[in-house]
Protein backbone atom coordinates (compact mmCIF):
# COMPACT_ATOMS: atom_id res chain seq x y z
CA UNK A 1 48.78 -149.88 -132.34
CA UNK A 2 48.64 -153.28 -130.69
CA UNK A 3 47.78 -152.66 -127.00
CA UNK A 4 50.44 -155.13 -125.92
CA UNK A 5 53.07 -152.96 -127.52
CA UNK A 6 52.17 -149.93 -125.41
CA UNK A 7 52.60 -150.44 -121.64
CA UNK A 8 50.86 -147.10 -121.03
CA UNK A 9 47.67 -147.95 -122.91
CA UNK A 10 44.48 -148.23 -120.87
CA UNK A 11 43.99 -151.88 -121.78
CA UNK A 12 47.29 -152.74 -120.11
CA UNK A 13 46.49 -151.25 -116.71
CA UNK A 14 44.92 -154.38 -115.21
CA UNK A 15 44.95 -158.10 -115.74
CA UNK A 16 47.58 -160.73 -116.52
CA UNK A 17 49.68 -160.94 -119.66
CA UNK A 18 52.04 -163.64 -120.85
CA UNK A 19 55.66 -162.87 -121.71
CA UNK A 20 54.82 -163.14 -125.39
CA UNK A 21 52.26 -160.38 -125.03
CA UNK A 22 53.97 -157.73 -122.99
CA UNK A 23 57.25 -156.41 -121.72
CA UNK A 24 56.64 -154.71 -118.37
CA UNK A 25 58.63 -151.58 -117.61
CA UNK A 26 59.10 -150.57 -114.00
CA UNK A 27 59.16 -146.79 -114.20
CA UNK A 28 61.39 -144.75 -111.92
CA UNK A 29 59.83 -141.32 -111.53
CA UNK A 30 62.31 -138.46 -111.45
CA UNK A 31 64.57 -136.34 -113.62
CA UNK A 32 65.63 -137.61 -117.02
CA UNK A 33 69.08 -139.12 -117.31
CA UNK A 34 71.67 -136.64 -118.51
CA UNK A 35 73.11 -137.48 -121.90
CA UNK A 36 75.75 -134.81 -122.40
CA UNK A 37 79.32 -136.02 -122.42
CA UNK A 38 81.55 -134.96 -119.54
CA UNK A 39 85.29 -135.50 -119.01
CA UNK A 40 84.55 -138.10 -116.33
CA UNK A 41 82.07 -139.94 -118.53
CA UNK A 42 84.45 -139.85 -121.49
CA UNK A 43 87.24 -141.29 -119.38
CA UNK A 44 84.95 -144.15 -118.31
CA UNK A 45 83.81 -144.92 -121.86
CA UNK A 46 86.22 -147.82 -122.64
CA UNK A 47 85.19 -149.52 -119.41
CA UNK A 48 81.55 -148.68 -120.10
CA UNK A 49 81.69 -150.36 -123.51
CA UNK A 50 83.06 -153.54 -121.92
CA UNK A 51 80.43 -153.40 -119.19
CA UNK A 52 77.64 -152.97 -121.74
CA UNK A 53 78.90 -155.98 -123.68
CA UNK A 54 78.91 -158.01 -120.48
CA UNK A 55 75.34 -156.99 -119.63
CA UNK A 56 74.04 -157.71 -123.14
CA UNK A 57 75.65 -161.17 -123.13
CA UNK A 58 74.66 -162.08 -119.57
CA UNK A 59 72.49 -165.19 -119.31
CA UNK A 60 69.54 -164.51 -117.03
CA UNK A 61 66.82 -166.65 -115.50
CA UNK A 62 63.63 -166.69 -117.53
CA UNK A 63 61.08 -163.99 -116.65
CA UNK A 64 57.82 -165.14 -115.05
CA UNK A 65 55.36 -166.72 -117.46
CA UNK A 66 52.80 -164.09 -116.47
CA UNK A 67 52.94 -160.55 -115.13
CA UNK A 68 50.42 -159.36 -112.58
CA UNK A 69 49.76 -155.76 -113.58
CA UNK A 70 47.31 -155.08 -110.76
CA UNK A 71 50.18 -154.04 -108.48
CA UNK A 72 52.46 -152.42 -111.05
CA UNK A 73 53.28 -148.79 -110.33
CA UNK A 74 55.92 -146.13 -110.38
CA UNK A 75 58.87 -146.34 -108.02
CA UNK A 76 59.41 -142.87 -106.63
CA UNK A 77 62.88 -142.17 -105.36
CA UNK A 78 63.93 -138.93 -103.69
CA UNK A 79 67.54 -138.04 -102.84
CA UNK A 80 66.30 -136.02 -99.85
CA UNK A 81 64.77 -139.09 -98.19
CA UNK A 82 65.95 -142.34 -96.67
CA UNK A 83 64.26 -145.06 -98.72
CA UNK A 84 64.35 -148.80 -99.27
CA UNK A 85 63.03 -151.44 -101.64
CA UNK A 86 62.70 -155.20 -101.80
CA UNK A 87 64.61 -156.38 -104.87
CA UNK A 88 64.16 -160.13 -105.28
CA UNK A 89 65.89 -161.71 -102.28
CA UNK A 90 67.51 -158.42 -101.24
CA UNK A 91 66.66 -155.41 -99.14
CA UNK A 92 68.28 -152.33 -100.68
CA UNK A 93 68.36 -149.14 -98.60
CA UNK A 94 69.61 -145.63 -99.34
CA UNK A 95 70.66 -142.84 -97.00
CA UNK A 96 69.90 -139.24 -97.87
CA UNK A 97 72.05 -137.77 -100.63
CA UNK A 98 72.10 -140.73 -103.02
CA UNK A 99 70.54 -139.39 -106.21
CA UNK A 100 67.34 -140.62 -107.82
CA UNK A 101 69.23 -141.99 -110.84
CA UNK A 102 71.80 -143.73 -108.67
CA UNK A 103 69.07 -145.40 -106.62
CA UNK A 104 67.32 -146.76 -109.70
CA UNK A 105 70.62 -147.89 -111.28
CA UNK A 106 71.73 -149.69 -108.11
CA UNK A 107 68.39 -151.44 -107.69
CA UNK A 108 68.44 -152.67 -111.27
CA UNK A 109 72.09 -153.74 -110.94
CA UNK A 110 71.14 -155.78 -107.87
CA UNK A 111 68.34 -157.45 -109.81
CA UNK A 112 70.64 -158.19 -112.76
CA UNK A 113 73.15 -159.92 -110.45
CA UNK A 114 70.40 -162.03 -108.86
CA UNK A 115 68.89 -163.06 -112.19
CA UNK A 116 72.29 -164.13 -113.50
CA UNK A 117 72.92 -166.13 -110.32
CA UNK A 118 69.46 -167.70 -110.58
CA UNK A 119 70.29 -168.83 -114.10
CA UNK A 120 73.64 -170.27 -113.01
CA UNK A 121 72.30 -172.02 -109.91
CA UNK A 122 68.57 -172.32 -110.43
CA UNK A 123 67.56 -174.18 -107.27
CA UNK A 124 70.43 -174.43 -104.77
CA UNK A 125 70.03 -177.42 -102.49
CA UNK A 126 73.15 -177.13 -100.31
CA UNK A 127 75.31 -174.40 -98.80
CA UNK A 128 77.97 -175.20 -101.40
CA UNK A 129 75.49 -174.45 -104.16
CA UNK A 130 74.44 -171.29 -102.33
CA UNK A 131 78.09 -170.23 -102.29
CA UNK A 132 78.22 -170.81 -106.05
CA UNK A 133 75.12 -168.61 -106.36
CA UNK A 134 76.85 -165.85 -104.43
CA UNK A 135 79.99 -166.29 -106.52
CA UNK A 136 78.02 -165.40 -109.64
CA UNK A 137 76.24 -162.58 -107.83
CA UNK A 138 79.53 -160.96 -106.80
CA UNK A 139 81.07 -161.50 -110.24
CA UNK A 140 78.23 -159.70 -112.03
CA UNK A 141 78.44 -156.72 -109.70
CA UNK A 142 82.19 -156.52 -110.25
CA UNK A 143 81.64 -156.16 -114.01
CA UNK A 144 79.30 -153.16 -113.76
CA UNK A 145 81.03 -150.77 -111.41
CA UNK A 146 80.99 -152.39 -107.95
CA UNK A 147 84.48 -153.04 -106.55
CA UNK A 148 84.31 -155.35 -103.51
CA UNK A 149 86.42 -154.18 -100.58
CA UNK A 150 86.88 -155.92 -97.24
CA UNK A 151 84.91 -158.96 -98.37
CA UNK A 152 84.35 -161.51 -95.64
CA UNK A 153 83.04 -165.07 -95.82
CA UNK A 154 82.45 -167.57 -93.03
CA UNK A 155 83.72 -170.76 -94.74
CA UNK A 156 82.94 -173.10 -91.87
CA UNK A 157 79.21 -173.80 -91.63
CA UNK A 158 77.65 -172.67 -88.37
CA UNK A 159 75.21 -175.26 -87.02
CA UNK A 160 72.19 -173.68 -85.39
CA UNK A 161 68.97 -174.90 -83.86
CA UNK A 162 67.33 -171.50 -84.17
CA UNK A 163 67.75 -168.62 -86.60
CA UNK A 164 66.31 -165.10 -86.72
CA UNK A 165 67.08 -163.25 -89.95
CA UNK A 166 66.70 -159.78 -88.50
CA UNK A 167 68.98 -160.50 -85.54
CA UNK A 168 71.56 -162.07 -87.86
CA UNK A 169 71.60 -158.99 -90.10
CA UNK A 170 72.03 -156.65 -87.14
CA UNK A 171 74.86 -158.79 -85.77
CA UNK A 172 76.91 -158.23 -88.94
CA UNK A 173 75.72 -154.66 -89.46
CA UNK A 174 76.93 -153.56 -86.03
CA UNK A 175 80.51 -154.38 -87.07
CA UNK A 176 80.36 -153.63 -90.79
CA UNK A 177 78.69 -150.24 -90.32
CA UNK A 178 80.57 -149.17 -87.20
CA UNK A 179 81.95 -146.15 -89.06
CA UNK A 180 78.53 -145.03 -90.30
CA UNK A 181 75.94 -144.50 -87.58
CA UNK A 182 73.52 -143.15 -90.19
CA UNK A 183 73.69 -146.37 -92.23
CA UNK A 184 73.36 -148.57 -89.13
CA UNK A 185 70.31 -146.60 -88.00
CA UNK A 186 68.81 -147.07 -91.46
CA UNK A 187 69.29 -150.85 -91.23
CA UNK A 188 67.45 -150.93 -87.92
CA UNK A 189 64.54 -148.86 -89.23
CA UNK A 190 64.27 -150.92 -92.43
CA UNK A 191 64.12 -154.15 -90.43
CA UNK A 192 61.59 -152.63 -88.02
CA UNK A 193 59.39 -151.62 -90.96
CA UNK A 194 59.44 -155.18 -92.30
CA UNK A 195 58.78 -156.74 -88.91
CA UNK A 196 55.57 -154.72 -88.61
CA UNK A 197 54.23 -155.97 -91.93
CA UNK A 198 51.69 -158.81 -92.02
CA UNK A 199 52.95 -162.00 -93.65
CA UNK A 200 50.76 -161.40 -96.70
CA UNK A 201 52.16 -157.92 -97.38
CA UNK A 202 53.26 -157.86 -101.06
CA UNK A 203 56.80 -156.65 -100.23
CA UNK A 204 57.34 -159.32 -97.59
CA UNK A 205 55.71 -161.95 -99.79
CA UNK A 206 58.14 -161.08 -102.60
CA UNK A 207 61.12 -161.36 -100.24
CA UNK A 208 59.93 -164.72 -98.94
CA UNK A 209 59.28 -166.08 -102.42
CA UNK A 210 62.55 -164.91 -103.96
CA UNK A 211 64.78 -165.97 -101.08
CA UNK A 212 63.63 -169.55 -100.57
CA UNK A 213 64.22 -172.81 -102.41
CA UNK A 214 63.14 -176.32 -101.39
CA UNK A 215 65.43 -176.67 -98.38
CA UNK A 216 67.66 -173.59 -98.63
CA UNK A 217 67.24 -169.88 -98.19
CA UNK A 218 69.37 -166.88 -99.09
CA UNK A 219 68.91 -163.18 -98.53
CA UNK A 220 70.91 -160.00 -98.70
CA UNK A 221 70.66 -156.56 -97.17
CA UNK A 222 72.55 -153.66 -98.70
CA UNK A 223 72.91 -150.07 -97.58
CA UNK A 224 74.17 -147.36 -99.94
CA UNK A 225 75.59 -144.06 -98.77
CA UNK A 226 77.87 -141.25 -99.89
CA UNK A 227 81.25 -141.36 -98.19
CA UNK A 228 82.54 -137.84 -97.65
CA UNK A 229 85.06 -137.10 -100.39
CA UNK A 230 85.10 -140.68 -101.67
CA UNK A 231 81.83 -141.14 -103.55
CA UNK A 232 79.27 -143.93 -103.42
CA UNK A 233 79.74 -147.05 -101.36
CA UNK A 234 77.54 -150.04 -100.66
CA UNK A 235 77.58 -152.33 -97.63
CA UNK A 236 76.36 -155.91 -98.06
CA UNK A 237 75.23 -158.41 -95.44
CA UNK A 238 74.25 -161.78 -96.93
CA UNK A 239 73.33 -165.24 -95.71
CA UNK A 240 72.88 -168.76 -97.03
CA UNK A 241 70.93 -171.34 -95.03
CA UNK A 242 70.44 -175.06 -95.49
CA UNK A 243 67.72 -176.75 -93.44
CA UNK A 244 68.34 -180.36 -92.50
CA UNK A 245 64.62 -181.06 -92.29
CA UNK A 246 64.14 -180.07 -95.94
CA UNK A 247 61.73 -177.28 -95.00
CA UNK A 248 62.59 -173.60 -95.39
CA UNK A 249 59.20 -172.16 -96.34
CA UNK A 250 58.74 -169.81 -93.40
CA UNK A 251 58.07 -166.07 -93.18
CA UNK A 252 61.26 -164.04 -93.36
CA UNK A 253 61.29 -162.74 -89.78
CA UNK A 254 60.07 -165.83 -87.97
CA UNK A 255 62.60 -167.79 -85.93
CA UNK A 256 63.49 -171.11 -87.57
CA UNK A 257 63.78 -173.77 -84.86
CA UNK A 258 64.96 -176.82 -86.82
CA UNK A 259 68.59 -177.74 -87.46
CA UNK A 260 70.02 -175.28 -89.95
CA UNK A 261 73.47 -174.65 -91.44
CA UNK A 262 74.29 -170.96 -91.79
CA UNK A 263 77.00 -169.29 -93.86
CA UNK A 264 77.59 -165.56 -93.90
CA UNK A 265 78.96 -163.11 -96.44
CA UNK A 266 79.71 -159.43 -95.99
CA UNK A 267 81.43 -156.83 -98.13
CA UNK A 268 81.95 -153.14 -98.66
CA UNK A 269 81.75 -151.97 -102.26
CA UNK A 270 83.20 -148.84 -103.80
CA UNK A 271 80.80 -147.90 -106.60
CA UNK A 272 82.11 -146.34 -109.81
CA UNK A 273 79.24 -143.91 -110.25
CA UNK A 274 80.28 -142.85 -113.76
CA UNK A 275 80.54 -146.45 -115.01
CA UNK A 276 77.25 -147.44 -113.41
CA UNK A 277 75.51 -144.44 -114.97
CA UNK A 278 76.99 -145.24 -118.37
CA UNK A 279 75.74 -148.82 -118.31
CA UNK A 280 72.47 -148.12 -116.45
CA UNK A 281 70.22 -147.97 -119.51
CA UNK A 282 71.64 -151.24 -120.84
CA UNK A 283 70.96 -152.92 -117.50
CA UNK A 284 67.42 -151.52 -117.56
CA UNK A 285 66.78 -153.06 -120.97
CA UNK A 286 67.70 -156.48 -119.56
CA UNK A 287 65.79 -156.34 -116.28
CA UNK A 288 62.69 -154.27 -117.09
CA UNK A 289 60.85 -157.33 -118.49
CA UNK A 290 60.86 -158.76 -114.96
CA UNK A 291 58.97 -155.71 -113.76
CA UNK A 292 56.93 -155.64 -110.62
CA UNK A 293 57.45 -159.34 -110.00
CA UNK A 294 60.89 -158.62 -108.53
CA UNK A 295 60.88 -155.03 -107.19
CA UNK A 296 58.72 -153.36 -104.56
CA UNK A 297 59.39 -150.04 -102.90
CA UNK A 298 58.84 -149.79 -99.15
CA UNK A 299 57.16 -146.79 -97.52
CA UNK A 300 59.58 -143.92 -96.93
CA UNK A 301 61.66 -144.40 -93.82
C-alpha cells in the first residue's frame, strides 16, 4: 500500500506532506457513532438528505498546501468534563453532559462554516466585508441543524482607541449567558486558560493566525450546553475589527491601542441534535483534510 494512502502508517507519523500526498484525518477518540435507525432519526431523514446535499456542494477555502504532522494527534472528548478547543478563529467550549459525538460534530460544523466563509470572503479588508463573512458563517450553520435565536448585531461601528478581546467577550457573555451561570463560568475559565499561555503556544498561535487578515480581525467564542428539557443550545459571541492603521497582527489577548472600528454579533442557537448527527459524517468528509491546521484541543478545564 502507498504510505500516503494510510494515515496510520509509521511513515506518516512525522514530517510534512503536500495536499496531493495525504488527506489528514483528525481523529476523535470515543465511542463509535450509532448507525441503527430510530424514530427520531427517521423523522429527520428528509431534512438530513437536504443538509448532506448542501454540505457536499459547499465551496470551501483551499486546504493548506502542506500539513505539519508533528503536532497531529487525537482529540479526546469526554461528556463528563468541561472542555474547549480552538477551531480556526473560534473558541468552542462545552459544559458537562454534551456527548462525545456531539462535541466532535459541533466542532467540525464550526470549521465547515468558517471554511465556507473564508472561500466567500477570502481576505476581508473592511467591517462591511467582515459582516459578509459572518453572513456566510451564519447561513452555513442554519443549513446543518443550528437555528439562530435572539440574534443581535451592532450595526453602527463603535470607534475605539483600545480593545481587549477577553474583556469584550465577557461584556457580551455576562448578558447573553445570564440564565446559565455554568456556561458563564466556563467562558471565564476558558479565557483565563488562554491568557496564561505564552504567545507561541500552538493553540494561541492558531487562533491568532486564523482570526487576522491584513488590517482586520474576527473571532468567535461559543459555549454549548444542554438546556433542561429542551436539548442542545449554543451561545455565540463574535467580533469584527478594522484597524485604521492597517495593522492587526497582534497576539489575541493584548490590548490594541490604535484606532479600531468594532462590530459585535451575538446569538443563541437551538441545535437539532438528530439532524446534526445525521449529517456529521458528511461534514467530517469535507473538513478532515484540513486536519490539525485548524483544530487544537485545550487542556481540560
